[in-house]
């Protein structure tokens, strides 16, 4: 049985007793930082984070477009516009897509700030995304639209929130040093 030591002084500090090799590990002194400031945050590779955030924004916009098209064209539901406006709808569909893209960019900024200033940024980011997603999911139920349109709009908004949370959260996890 052999024990490995880090330095020669540690080898000399522990001597074998009655022909046996010592198996205890020496106690190491506590490491004190040379800098008096305390480091908070985990840090982030900004280039990876923002490149991934831009890709997430593009995908989130496509999720919003796909959700509206599936609801209006496949299921013939009046999501965001009357039926006579066709599968795409009107300017409200464009607004939803732009809001989804902006949400992904804002989420990237929020997670970047959390990575620089907190010790568990992805935990806080998950809570923020979940709570902010809840608002547009429950909002359609306060309107006078038919119930099927309310449900479809809530599901599209939920898909957007899930896309933002998973994509930006995944990018953030990969951009930690």
Protein backbone atom coordinates (compact mmCIF):
# COMPACT_ATOMS: atom_id res chain seq x y z
CA UNK A 1 0.00 0.00 0.00
CA UNK A 2 1.43 3.38 -0.93
CA UNK A 3 0.43 6.95 -0.29
CA UNK A 4 1.10 9.78 -2.68
CA UNK A 5 2.06 13.18 -1.35
CA UNK A 6 2.07 16.55 -3.05
CA UNK A 7 5.39 17.87 -1.73
CA UNK A 8 8.56 16.55 -0.10
CA UNK A 9 7.79 18.42 3.13
CA UNK A 10 4.49 16.56 3.41
CA UNK A 11 6.34 13.26 2.95
CA UNK A 12 8.69 14.12 5.81
CA UNK A 13 5.83 15.18 8.07
CA UNK A 14 4.27 11.71 8.11
CA UNK A 15 6.58 8.84 9.07
CA UNK A 16 5.72 5.19 8.92
CA UNK A 17 4.93 3.56 12.25
CA UNK A 18 6.27 0.06 12.85
CA UNK A 19 7.06 -0.59 9.22
CA UNK A 20 3.65 0.35 7.89
CA UNK A 21 3.00 3.22 5.48
CA UNK A 22 0.73 5.94 6.77
CA UNK A 23 -2.62 6.17 5.02
CA UNK A 24 -3.81 9.48 6.39
CA UNK A 25 -3.96 12.58 4.27
CA UNK A 26 -2.17 15.63 5.60
CA UNK A 27 -4.27 18.63 6.55
CA UNK A 28 -3.78 21.46 4.11
CA UNK A 29 -3.94 25.06 5.14
CA UNK A 30 -6.98 27.03 4.09
CA UNK A 31 -6.47 28.91 0.86
CA UNK A 32 -7.12 32.59 1.28
CA UNK A 33 -7.75 34.74 -1.75
CA UNK A 34 -5.10 37.31 -2.50
CA UNK A 35 -7.76 39.75 -3.66
CA UNK A 36 -9.83 41.28 -0.85
CA UNK A 37 -12.94 41.58 -3.05
CA UNK A 38 -15.41 38.71 -3.03
CA UNK A 39 -16.30 37.31 -6.44
CA UNK A 40 -20.01 37.03 -7.18
CA UNK A 41 -21.47 35.44 -10.28
CA UNK A 42 -20.36 32.58 -12.44
CA UNK A 43 -19.28 34.61 -15.45
CA UNK A 44 -20.21 34.12 -19.09
CA UNK A 45 -18.65 33.81 -22.51
CA UNK A 46 -20.50 36.77 -23.99
CA UNK A 47 -19.77 35.84 -27.60
CA UNK A 48 -21.31 32.37 -27.26
CA UNK A 49 -24.20 33.67 -25.17
CA UNK A 50 -25.28 36.44 -27.53
CA UNK A 51 -24.77 34.35 -30.67
CA UNK A 52 -26.96 31.68 -29.14
CA UNK A 53 -29.43 34.34 -28.01
CA UNK A 54 -29.74 35.62 -31.57
CA UNK A 55 -30.35 32.09 -32.85
CA UNK A 56 -32.89 31.57 -30.07
CA UNK A 57 -34.67 34.77 -31.09
CA UNK A 58 -34.94 33.57 -34.68
CA UNK A 59 -36.30 30.18 -33.61
CA UNK A 60 -38.73 31.79 -31.17
CA UNK A 61 -40.10 34.00 -33.94
CA UNK A 62 -40.59 30.91 -36.08
CA UNK A 63 -42.35 29.15 -33.19
CA UNK A 64 -44.77 32.09 -32.95
CA UNK A 65 -45.40 32.04 -36.71
CA UNK A 66 -45.89 28.28 -36.74
CA UNK A 67 -48.28 28.42 -33.80
CA UNK A 68 -50.45 31.04 -35.48
CA UNK A 69 -50.42 29.24 -38.83
CA UNK A 70 -51.31 25.89 -37.30
CA UNK A 71 -54.10 27.43 -35.25
CA UNK A 72 -55.58 29.47 -38.11
CA UNK A 73 -54.94 27.27 -41.14
CA UNK A 74 -55.05 23.71 -39.78
CA UNK A 75 -57.65 24.09 -37.02
CA UNK A 76 -59.54 27.10 -38.48
CA UNK A 77 -59.46 29.03 -35.20
CA UNK A 78 -59.66 32.81 -34.97
CA UNK A 79 -56.32 33.50 -33.31
CA UNK A 80 -55.34 37.19 -33.23
CA UNK A 81 -57.55 38.15 -36.22
CA UNK A 82 -60.94 37.41 -37.80
CA UNK A 83 -61.32 34.38 -40.11
CA UNK A 84 -61.56 36.47 -43.28
CA UNK A 85 -57.94 37.63 -42.85
CA UNK A 86 -56.62 34.27 -44.04
CA UNK A 87 -54.08 31.88 -42.56
CA UNK A 88 -51.55 34.56 -41.60
CA UNK A 89 -54.03 36.98 -40.12
CA UNK A 90 -53.15 40.64 -39.95
CA UNK A 91 -50.63 42.96 -38.34
CA UNK A 92 -51.25 41.40 -34.93
CA UNK A 93 -49.53 38.22 -36.11
CA UNK A 94 -46.50 40.26 -37.11
CA UNK A 95 -46.59 41.98 -33.74
CA UNK A 96 -46.68 38.63 -31.94
CA UNK A 97 -43.66 37.42 -33.92
CA UNK A 98 -41.70 40.60 -33.17
CA UNK A 99 -42.64 40.42 -29.48
CA UNK A 100 -41.45 36.79 -29.38
CA UNK A 101 -38.12 37.77 -30.96
CA UNK A 102 -37.76 40.68 -28.54
CA UNK A 103 -38.59 38.39 -25.60
CA UNK A 104 -35.73 36.07 -26.53
CA UNK A 105 -33.30 39.00 -26.82
CA UNK A 106 -34.44 40.42 -23.48
CA UNK A 107 -34.18 36.96 -21.90
CA UNK A 108 -30.60 36.72 -23.16
CA UNK A 109 -29.83 40.06 -21.52
CA UNK A 110 -31.48 38.98 -18.27
CA UNK A 111 -29.58 35.70 -18.11
CA UNK A 112 -26.32 37.52 -18.91
CA UNK A 113 -26.90 39.89 -15.97
CA UNK A 114 -27.80 36.95 -13.74
CA UNK A 115 -24.64 35.11 -14.77
CA UNK A 116 -22.54 38.12 -13.87
CA UNK A 117 -24.25 38.88 -10.58
CA UNK A 118 -25.66 35.73 -8.97
CA UNK A 119 -24.35 32.37 -7.91
CA UNK A 120 -27.25 30.28 -9.29
CA UNK A 121 -28.24 32.17 -12.45
CA UNK A 122 -30.11 29.37 -14.21
CA UNK A 123 -32.31 28.74 -11.20
CA UNK A 124 -33.38 32.36 -11.07
CA UNK A 125 -33.71 32.51 -14.85
CA UNK A 126 -36.05 29.53 -14.85
CA UNK A 127 -38.29 31.18 -12.28
CA UNK A 128 -38.31 34.48 -14.15
CA UNK A 129 -39.22 32.82 -17.45
CA UNK A 130 -41.94 30.70 -15.84
CA UNK A 131 -43.56 33.65 -14.10
CA UNK A 132 -43.33 35.97 -17.11
CA UNK A 133 -44.74 33.24 -19.39
CA UNK A 134 -47.72 32.83 -17.10
CA UNK A 135 -48.93 36.36 -17.88
CA UNK A 136 -49.49 35.94 -21.65
CA UNK A 137 -50.83 32.42 -21.12
CA UNK A 138 -53.64 33.54 -18.80
CA UNK A 139 -54.35 36.89 -20.50
CA UNK A 140 -56.46 35.51 -23.40
CA UNK A 141 -58.98 34.18 -20.89
CA UNK A 142 -59.80 37.74 -19.85
CA UNK A 143 -60.98 38.67 -23.37
CA UNK A 144 -64.36 38.20 -25.03
CA UNK A 145 -63.00 35.84 -27.72
CA UNK A 146 -64.51 32.37 -28.15
CA UNK A 147 -63.16 29.69 -25.82
CA UNK A 148 -61.39 27.75 -28.59
CA UNK A 149 -59.55 30.91 -29.69
CA UNK A 150 -58.60 31.65 -26.08
CA UNK A 151 -57.15 28.17 -25.65
CA UNK A 152 -55.28 28.34 -28.98
CA UNK A 153 -53.81 31.75 -28.16
CA UNK A 154 -52.77 30.55 -24.69
CA UNK A 155 -51.07 27.47 -26.20
CA UNK A 156 -49.20 29.59 -28.76
CA UNK A 157 -48.03 31.90 -25.96
CA UNK A 158 -47.02 28.89 -23.86
CA UNK A 159 -45.00 27.46 -26.76
CA UNK A 160 -43.22 30.80 -27.14
CA UNK A 161 -42.41 30.89 -23.42
CA UNK A 162 -41.13 27.32 -23.43
CA UNK A 163 -38.98 28.04 -26.49
CA UNK A 164 -37.47 31.14 -24.89
CA UNK A 165 -36.79 29.37 -21.60
CA UNK A 166 -35.27 26.21 -23.00
CA UNK A 167 -33.27 27.75 -25.82
CA UNK A 168 -31.82 30.71 -23.92
CA UNK A 169 -31.34 28.61 -20.79
CA UNK A 170 -29.48 25.97 -22.78
CA UNK A 171 -27.28 28.56 -24.44
CA UNK A 172 -26.55 30.12 -21.06
CA UNK A 173 -25.55 26.76 -19.58
CA UNK A 174 -23.10 26.20 -22.43
CA UNK A 175 -21.60 29.69 -22.18
CA UNK A 176 -20.46 29.35 -18.57
CA UNK A 177 -16.67 29.16 -18.31
